[in-house]
Amino acid sequence: MTTTARVDLTGAVVTVLQAQQAATPTLLRAVYVARPGSFTELPAAYIGNADERITYTAGTRTRTFLGLTAVVVDAFSDAMESGTRMDQLVDLLVDRFTAAYATVPGGGNLLQLTGVRDTEVTVEASGGVAAIYRGAILEFAETFIMEGRT
């Protein structure tokens, strides 16, 4: 049996992000499946790392995604406005991901938001000029997919 764990998992995260985008299009304007070379619309979100640990039992392979992340980015503008907008979006995403724990296809799979870290996201442009964005990293450190062993 061919595994589709990464595709299923990133698809589940993107589905939740797109649902938030549809519900609040001014708070989340774009969703990407990977980090884009530039951001044409902000705020935006993309799938970050997907580091994983794989364990085996007699009939099951469990893939635990220790480093799965989604990153939310916004422009630095008026400190009060961009801070409030980012905080509102993160709060909404925490609630949405909490409710969507069973979004990953298949029985026994679990999507768990385990933390949020503030950060800055730097995007290098041509000519060595960098754009710096305000960011929040959504961590799914205990997300796992159980598969039958082949």
N, C-alpha and C. Protein backbone atom coordinates (compact mmCIF):
# COMPACT_ATOMS: atom_id res chain seq x y z
N MET A 1 0.84 -1.17 0.00
CA MET A 1 0.00 0.00 0.00
C MET A 1 0.89 1.24 0.00
N THR A 2 0.61 2.18 -0.88
CA THR A 2 1.36 3.42 -0.95
C THR A 2 0.81 4.40 0.08
N THR A 3 1.71 5.05 0.79
CA THR A 3 1.28 6.00 1.81
C THR A 3 0.95 7.36 1.20
N THR A 4 -0.01 8.04 1.79
CA THR A 4 -0.36 9.40 1.39
C THR A 4 -0.39 10.31 2.62
N ALA A 5 0.36 9.94 3.65
CA ALA A 5 0.30 10.64 4.94
C ALA A 5 0.59 12.13 4.82
N ARG A 6 1.67 12.50 4.18
CA ARG A 6 2.01 13.93 4.07
C ARG A 6 0.96 14.68 3.26
N VAL A 7 0.54 14.09 2.17
CA VAL A 7 -0.48 14.73 1.33
C VAL A 7 -1.77 14.90 2.13
N ASP A 8 -2.19 13.85 2.84
CA ASP A 8 -3.42 13.92 3.63
C ASP A 8 -3.31 14.96 4.74
N LEU A 9 -2.18 14.97 5.40
CA LEU A 9 -2.01 15.88 6.53
C LEU A 9 -1.94 17.34 6.10
N THR A 10 -1.11 17.63 5.11
CA THR A 10 -1.05 19.02 4.65
C THR A 10 -2.37 19.44 4.03
N GLY A 11 -3.05 18.51 3.37
CA GLY A 11 -4.37 18.81 2.82
C GLY A 11 -5.36 19.17 3.91
N ALA A 12 -5.30 18.47 5.04
CA ALA A 12 -6.19 18.76 6.17
C ALA A 12 -5.91 20.15 6.74
N VAL A 13 -4.64 20.49 6.89
CA VAL A 13 -4.28 21.81 7.43
C VAL A 13 -4.72 22.91 6.46
N VAL A 14 -4.48 22.70 5.16
CA VAL A 14 -4.89 23.68 4.16
C VAL A 14 -6.41 23.84 4.15
N THR A 15 -7.14 22.74 4.29
CA THR A 15 -8.61 22.80 4.33
C THR A 15 -9.08 23.68 5.49
N VAL A 16 -8.48 23.51 6.65
CA VAL A 16 -8.87 24.32 7.82
C VAL A 16 -8.50 25.79 7.58
N LEU A 17 -7.31 26.04 7.03
CA LEU A 17 -6.91 27.42 6.74
C LEU A 17 -7.86 28.06 5.72
N GLN A 18 -8.23 27.31 4.69
CA GLN A 18 -9.14 27.85 3.68
C GLN A 18 -10.54 28.11 4.25
N ALA A 19 -10.97 27.29 5.20
CA ALA A 19 -12.26 27.53 5.85
C ALA A 19 -12.20 28.85 6.63
N GLN A 20 -11.07 29.10 7.29
CA GLN A 20 -10.92 30.37 8.01
C GLN A 20 -10.86 31.53 7.03
N GLN A 21 -10.18 31.34 5.91
CA GLN A 21 -10.11 32.37 4.88
C GLN A 21 -11.51 32.72 4.37
N ALA A 22 -12.33 31.71 4.14
CA ALA A 22 -13.70 31.95 3.66
C ALA A 22 -14.54 32.67 4.71
N ALA A 23 -14.31 32.34 5.98
CA ALA A 23 -15.09 32.95 7.06
C ALA A 23 -14.66 34.38 7.35
N THR A 24 -13.35 34.66 7.21
CA THR A 24 -12.82 36.00 7.53
C THR A 24 -11.83 36.44 6.45
N PRO A 25 -12.30 36.76 5.26
CA PRO A 25 -11.40 37.06 4.14
C PRO A 25 -10.53 38.30 4.34
N THR A 26 -10.88 39.19 5.25
CA THR A 26 -10.01 40.35 5.49
C THR A 26 -8.91 40.01 6.49
N LEU A 27 -9.10 38.97 7.30
CA LEU A 27 -8.08 38.55 8.26
C LEU A 27 -7.12 37.53 7.69
N LEU A 28 -7.54 36.79 6.66
CA LEU A 28 -6.68 35.82 5.99
C LEU A 28 -7.01 35.86 4.51
N ARG A 29 -6.15 36.49 3.74
CA ARG A 29 -6.42 36.74 2.32
C ARG A 29 -5.90 35.66 1.38
N ALA A 30 -4.86 34.93 1.79
CA ALA A 30 -4.26 33.93 0.90
C ALA A 30 -3.78 32.73 1.71
N VAL A 31 -3.90 31.54 1.12
CA VAL A 31 -3.42 30.29 1.72
C VAL A 31 -2.58 29.58 0.67
N TYR A 32 -1.36 29.17 1.06
CA TYR A 32 -0.43 28.50 0.15
C TYR A 32 -0.07 27.13 0.73
N VAL A 33 0.16 26.14 -0.14
CA VAL A 33 0.56 24.81 0.33
C VAL A 33 2.05 24.74 0.67
N ALA A 34 2.81 25.74 0.29
CA ALA A 34 4.23 25.85 0.63
C ALA A 34 4.58 27.33 0.68
N ARG A 35 5.72 27.65 1.23
CA ARG A 35 6.13 29.04 1.33
C ARG A 35 6.35 29.62 -0.06
N PRO A 36 5.66 30.70 -0.39
CA PRO A 36 5.83 31.31 -1.71
C PRO A 36 7.10 32.17 -1.75
N GLY A 37 7.52 32.52 -2.95
CA GLY A 37 8.69 33.38 -3.11
C GLY A 37 8.42 34.81 -2.70
N SER A 38 7.16 35.20 -2.71
CA SER A 38 6.76 36.54 -2.25
C SER A 38 5.29 36.47 -1.86
N PHE A 39 4.86 37.46 -1.12
CA PHE A 39 3.47 37.52 -0.70
C PHE A 39 2.79 38.67 -1.42
N THR A 40 1.81 38.33 -2.25
CA THR A 40 1.09 39.37 -2.99
C THR A 40 -0.12 39.87 -2.22
N GLU A 41 -0.64 39.04 -1.32
CA GLU A 41 -1.76 39.44 -0.48
C GLU A 41 -1.44 39.09 0.97
N LEU A 42 -1.75 40.00 1.88
CA LEU A 42 -1.52 39.78 3.30
C LEU A 42 -2.76 40.18 4.07
N PRO A 43 -2.98 39.53 5.17
CA PRO A 43 -2.31 38.39 5.78
C PRO A 43 -2.46 37.12 4.95
N ALA A 44 -1.48 36.24 5.11
CA ALA A 44 -1.45 34.98 4.37
C ALA A 44 -0.98 33.87 5.30
N ALA A 45 -1.17 32.63 4.85
CA ALA A 45 -0.71 31.47 5.60
C ALA A 45 -0.13 30.46 4.62
N TYR A 46 0.83 29.68 5.10
CA TYR A 46 1.40 28.61 4.28
C TYR A 46 1.83 27.45 5.16
N ILE A 47 1.99 26.28 4.54
CA ILE A 47 2.46 25.11 5.25
C ILE A 47 3.98 25.22 5.37
N GLY A 48 4.48 25.03 6.57
CA GLY A 48 5.92 25.10 6.83
C GLY A 48 6.53 23.70 6.82
N ASN A 49 7.35 23.43 7.82
CA ASN A 49 8.05 22.14 7.92
C ASN A 49 7.08 21.00 8.22
N ALA A 50 7.55 19.78 7.93
CA ALA A 50 6.75 18.59 8.23
C ALA A 50 7.67 17.47 8.74
N ASP A 51 8.54 17.80 9.71
CA ASP A 51 9.44 16.80 10.28
C ASP A 51 8.62 15.73 10.98
N GLU A 52 9.06 14.47 10.87
CA GLU A 52 8.28 13.39 11.45
C GLU A 52 9.15 12.30 12.06
N ARG A 53 8.53 11.54 12.97
CA ARG A 53 9.14 10.35 13.56
C ARG A 53 8.25 9.18 13.17
N ILE A 54 8.85 8.07 12.78
CA ILE A 54 8.08 6.90 12.35
C ILE A 54 8.38 5.76 13.31
N THR A 55 7.31 5.15 13.86
CA THR A 55 7.45 4.00 14.74
C THR A 55 6.61 2.85 14.20
N TYR A 56 6.98 1.62 14.60
CA TYR A 56 6.31 0.42 14.10
C TYR A 56 5.88 -0.47 15.25
N THR A 57 4.71 -1.08 15.10
CA THR A 57 4.28 -2.18 15.95
C THR A 57 4.03 -3.35 15.01
N ALA A 58 3.51 -4.42 15.52
CA ALA A 58 3.34 -5.63 14.70
C ALA A 58 2.58 -5.37 13.40
N GLY A 59 1.50 -4.59 13.45
CA GLY A 59 0.72 -4.40 12.24
C GLY A 59 0.50 -2.96 11.84
N THR A 60 1.16 -2.04 12.55
CA THR A 60 0.88 -0.63 12.31
C THR A 60 2.17 0.19 12.20
N ARG A 61 2.15 1.12 11.31
CA ARG A 61 3.21 2.14 11.22
C ARG A 61 2.55 3.45 11.63
N THR A 62 3.16 4.14 12.60
CA THR A 62 2.64 5.42 13.06
C THR A 62 3.63 6.51 12.68
N ARG A 63 3.13 7.50 11.97
CA ARG A 63 3.96 8.65 11.57
C ARG A 63 3.51 9.84 12.41
N THR A 64 4.39 10.24 13.33
CA THR A 64 4.10 11.37 14.21
C THR A 64 4.86 12.57 13.68
N PHE A 65 4.12 13.61 13.34
CA PHE A 65 4.71 14.81 12.76
C PHE A 65 5.11 15.76 13.88
N LEU A 66 6.38 15.70 14.26
CA LEU A 66 6.90 16.49 15.38
C LEU A 66 7.11 17.94 15.00
N GLY A 67 7.38 18.18 13.73
CA GLY A 67 7.71 19.54 13.30
C GLY A 67 6.74 20.11 12.30
N LEU A 68 5.53 19.56 12.22
CA LEU A 68 4.56 20.09 11.26
C LEU A 68 4.14 21.49 11.69
N THR A 69 4.22 22.44 10.76
CA THR A 69 3.86 23.82 11.07
C THR A 69 3.04 24.44 9.94
N ALA A 70 2.25 25.41 10.33
CA ALA A 70 1.62 26.34 9.39
C ALA A 70 2.06 27.71 9.86
N VAL A 71 2.38 28.58 8.92
CA VAL A 71 2.90 29.90 9.26
C VAL A 71 1.92 30.95 8.76
N VAL A 72 1.59 31.88 9.64
CA VAL A 72 0.73 33.01 9.29
C VAL A 72 1.62 34.24 9.22
N VAL A 73 1.51 35.02 8.16
CA VAL A 73 2.34 36.22 7.99
C VAL A 73 1.47 37.44 7.73
N ASP A 74 1.97 38.58 8.16
CA ASP A 74 1.30 39.85 7.93
C ASP A 74 2.38 40.93 7.82
N ALA A 75 2.01 42.02 7.22
CA ALA A 75 2.95 43.14 7.07
C ALA A 75 3.10 43.87 8.40
N PHE A 76 4.29 44.41 8.62
CA PHE A 76 4.47 45.33 9.73
C PHE A 76 3.90 46.66 9.28
N SER A 77 2.91 47.12 9.97
CA SER A 77 2.34 48.43 9.67
C SER A 77 2.14 49.13 11.01
N ASP A 78 1.07 49.82 11.17
CA ASP A 78 0.77 50.41 12.46
C ASP A 78 0.81 49.31 13.51
N ALA A 79 1.63 49.47 14.55
CA ALA A 79 1.85 48.42 15.53
C ALA A 79 0.55 47.94 16.17
N MET A 80 -0.32 48.85 16.50
CA MET A 80 -1.58 48.47 17.14
C MET A 80 -2.47 47.70 16.17
N GLU A 81 -2.58 48.19 14.94
CA GLU A 81 -3.46 47.55 13.96
C GLU A 81 -2.97 46.16 13.58
N SER A 82 -1.68 46.03 13.22
CA SER A 82 -1.18 44.73 12.78
C SER A 82 -1.12 43.75 13.94
N GLY A 83 -0.82 44.24 15.15
CA GLY A 83 -0.81 43.36 16.31
C GLY A 83 -2.18 42.82 16.62
N THR A 84 -3.18 43.67 16.60
CA THR A 84 -4.55 43.25 16.87
C THR A 84 -5.05 42.30 15.79
N ARG A 85 -4.77 42.60 14.53
CA ARG A 85 -5.23 41.75 13.43
C ARG A 85 -4.59 40.36 13.53
N MET A 86 -3.29 40.29 13.79
CA MET A 86 -2.61 39.00 13.90
C MET A 86 -3.14 38.22 15.11
N ASP A 87 -3.33 38.89 16.23
CA ASP A 87 -3.84 38.21 17.42
C ASP A 87 -5.25 37.67 17.19
N GLN A 88 -6.10 38.44 16.52
CA GLN A 88 -7.45 37.97 16.21
C GLN A 88 -7.40 36.73 15.32
N LEU A 89 -6.54 36.77 14.31
CA LEU A 89 -6.44 35.64 13.39
C LEU A 89 -5.92 34.40 14.11
N VAL A 90 -4.90 34.56 14.93
CA VAL A 90 -4.36 33.41 15.67
C VAL A 90 -5.43 32.83 16.59
N ASP A 91 -6.16 33.68 17.32
CA ASP A 91 -7.22 33.18 18.20
C ASP A 91 -8.27 32.40 17.41
N LEU A 92 -8.68 32.92 16.27
CA LEU A 92 -9.67 32.22 15.44
C LEU A 92 -9.13 30.88 14.93
N LEU A 93 -7.85 30.86 14.53
CA LEU A 93 -7.25 29.61 14.04
C LEU A 93 -7.10 28.59 15.16
N VAL A 94 -6.76 29.02 16.36
CA VAL A 94 -6.68 28.09 17.49
C VAL A 94 -8.03 27.41 17.70
N ASP A 95 -9.10 28.19 17.71
CA ASP A 95 -10.44 27.61 17.86
C ASP A 95 -10.78 26.68 16.70
N ARG A 96 -10.48 27.10 15.49
CA ARG A 96 -10.84 26.30 14.31
C ARG A 96 -10.07 24.99 14.28
N PHE A 97 -8.77 25.02 14.59
CA PHE A 97 -7.98 23.78 14.58
C PHE A 97 -8.37 22.88 15.75
N THR A 98 -8.74 23.46 16.88
CA THR A 98 -9.20 22.64 18.01
C THR A 98 -10.43 21.85 17.61
N ALA A 99 -11.34 22.48 16.90
CA ALA A 99 -12.57 21.81 16.47
C ALA A 99 -12.32 20.83 15.33
N ALA A 100 -11.22 20.95 14.62
CA ALA A 100 -10.96 20.15 13.42
C ALA A 100 -9.97 19.01 13.66
N TYR A 101 -9.89 18.51 14.88
CA TYR A 101 -8.91 17.47 15.21
C TYR A 101 -9.06 16.20 14.37
N ALA A 102 -10.26 15.94 13.87
CA ALA A 102 -10.50 14.72 13.09
C ALA A 102 -10.54 14.99 11.59
N THR A 103 -9.92 16.07 11.13
CA THR A 103 -9.96 16.45 9.72
C THR A 103 -9.14 15.54 8.82
N VAL A 104 -8.11 14.90 9.36
CA VAL A 104 -7.23 14.04 8.56
C VAL A 104 -7.99 12.78 8.17
N PRO A 105 -7.99 12.39 6.89
CA PRO A 105 -8.72 11.21 6.45
C PRO A 105 -8.25 9.93 7.16
N GLY A 106 -9.14 8.99 7.31
CA GLY A 106 -8.82 7.69 7.88
C GLY A 106 -9.10 7.64 9.37
N GLY A 107 -9.39 6.48 9.86
CA GLY A 107 -9.65 6.31 11.29
C GLY A 107 -8.36 6.32 12.10
N GLY A 108 -8.39 6.89 13.28
CA GLY A 108 -7.23 6.88 14.16
C GLY A 108 -6.22 7.97 13.89
N ASN A 109 -6.46 8.83 12.93
CA ASN A 109 -5.55 9.92 12.63
C ASN A 109 -5.99 11.16 13.40
N LEU A 110 -5.03 11.95 13.85
CA LEU A 110 -5.37 13.06 14.72
C LEU A 110 -4.54 14.30 14.38
N LEU A 111 -5.22 15.43 14.21
CA LEU A 111 -4.59 16.72 13.95
C LEU A 111 -4.67 17.53 15.24
N GLN A 112 -3.52 17.83 15.85
CA GLN A 112 -3.51 18.54 17.12
C GLN A 112 -2.64 19.78 17.06
N LEU A 113 -3.25 20.92 17.26
CA LEU A 113 -2.49 22.17 17.40
C LEU A 113 -1.94 22.19 18.82
N THR A 114 -0.61 22.23 18.95
CA THR A 114 0.01 22.12 20.28
C THR A 114 0.71 23.40 20.72
N GLY A 115 0.84 24.38 19.85
CA GLY A 115 1.49 25.61 20.27
C GLY A 115 1.49 26.66 19.17
N VAL A 116 1.75 27.89 19.58
CA VAL A 116 1.88 29.02 18.67
C VAL A 116 3.12 29.80 19.09
N ARG A 117 4.00 30.09 18.14
CA ARG A 117 5.19 30.88 18.42
C ARG A 117 5.21 32.11 17.52
N ASP A 118 5.42 33.28 18.12
CA ASP A 118 5.60 34.50 17.33
C ASP A 118 6.99 34.48 16.70
N THR A 119 7.09 35.05 15.51
CA THR A 119 8.36 35.06 14.79
C THR A 119 8.36 36.19 13.78
N GLU A 120 9.46 36.34 13.10
CA GLU A 120 9.54 37.21 11.93
C GLU A 120 9.91 36.32 10.74
N VAL A 121 9.31 36.59 9.60
CA VAL A 121 9.56 35.82 8.38
C VAL A 121 10.29 36.74 7.41
N THR A 122 11.47 36.31 6.96
CA THR A 122 12.27 37.10 6.03
C THR A 122 12.21 36.45 4.65
N VAL A 123 11.92 37.25 3.65
CA VAL A 123 11.88 36.78 2.27
C VAL A 123 12.92 37.59 1.49
N GLU A 124 13.91 36.89 0.96
CA GLU A 124 14.96 37.54 0.17
C GLU A 124 14.43 37.89 -1.21
N ALA A 125 14.70 39.09 -1.63
CA ALA A 125 14.30 39.52 -2.97
C ALA A 125 15.55 39.70 -3.83
N SER A 126 15.36 39.92 -5.10
CA SER A 126 16.50 40.12 -5.98
C SER A 126 17.27 41.36 -5.56
N GLY A 127 18.56 41.34 -5.77
CA GLY A 127 19.40 42.46 -5.39
C GLY A 127 19.76 42.47 -3.92
N GLY A 128 19.48 41.37 -3.20
CA GLY A 128 19.86 41.27 -1.80
C GLY A 128 18.95 42.01 -0.83
N VAL A 129 17.88 42.59 -1.32
CA VAL A 129 16.94 43.28 -0.44
C VAL A 129 16.01 42.25 0.18
N ALA A 130 15.76 42.38 1.47
CA ALA A 130 14.89 41.43 2.16
C ALA A 130 13.63 42.12 2.65
N ALA A 131 12.53 41.40 2.57
CA ALA A 131 11.28 41.88 3.15
C ALA A 131 11.06 41.10 4.44
N ILE A 132 10.70 41.80 5.50
CA ILE A 132 10.49 41.16 6.80
C ILE A 132 9.02 41.32 7.17
N TYR A 133 8.42 40.19 7.57
CA TYR A 133 7.00 40.15 7.91
C TYR A 133 6.84 39.70 9.36
N ARG A 134 5.74 40.13 9.96
CA ARG A 134 5.37 39.62 11.26
C ARG A 134 4.80 38.23 11.03
N GLY A 135 5.11 37.28 11.90
CA GLY A 135 4.61 35.93 11.71
C GLY A 135 4.22 35.25 13.00
N ALA A 136 3.45 34.19 12.83
CA ALA A 136 3.10 33.29 13.92
C ALA A 136 3.18 31.87 13.36
N ILE A 137 3.88 31.01 14.08
CA ILE A 137 4.04 29.62 13.66
C ILE A 137 3.07 28.77 14.47
N LEU A 138 2.16 28.11 13.77
CA LEU A 138 1.23 27.18 14.41
C LEU A 138 1.89 25.81 14.40
N GLU A 139 2.05 25.21 15.57
CA GLU A 139 2.77 23.94 15.70
C GLU A 139 1.79 22.79 15.93
N PHE A 140 1.99 21.72 15.20
CA PHE A 140 1.17 20.52 15.31
C PHE A 140 2.08 19.36 15.73
N ALA A 141 2.71 19.48 16.90
CA ALA A 141 3.78 18.58 17.31
C ALA A 141 3.33 17.18 17.68
N GLU A 142 2.08 16.95 17.90
CA GLU A 142 1.60 15.62 18.27
C GLU A 142 0.62 15.07 17.23
N THR A 143 0.67 15.59 16.04
CA THR A 143 -0.21 15.11 14.98
C THR A 143 0.32 13.79 14.46
N PHE A 144 -0.58 12.82 14.31
CA PHE A 144 -0.10 11.52 13.84
C PHE A 144 -1.09 10.87 12.88
N ILE A 145 -0.52 9.97 12.09
CA ILE A 145 -1.29 9.15 11.16
C ILE A 145 -0.86 7.70 11.36
N MET A 146 -1.85 6.84 11.56
CA MET A 146 -1.58 5.41 11.73
C MET A 146 -1.91 4.71 10.43
N GLU A 147 -0.98 3.87 9.98
CA GLU A 147 -1.16 3.15 8.72
C GLU A 147 -0.91 1.66 8.93
N GLY A 148 -1.58 0.83 8.15
CA GLY A 148 -1.29 -0.59 8.17
C GLY A 148 0.07 -0.84 7.57
N ARG A 149 0.83 -1.74 8.17
CA ARG A 149 2.16 -2.09 7.64
C ARG A 149 2.03 -2.98 6.43
N THR A 150 2.88 -2.74 5.46
CA THR A 150 2.85 -3.58 4.26
C THR A 150 3.98 -4.58 4.28
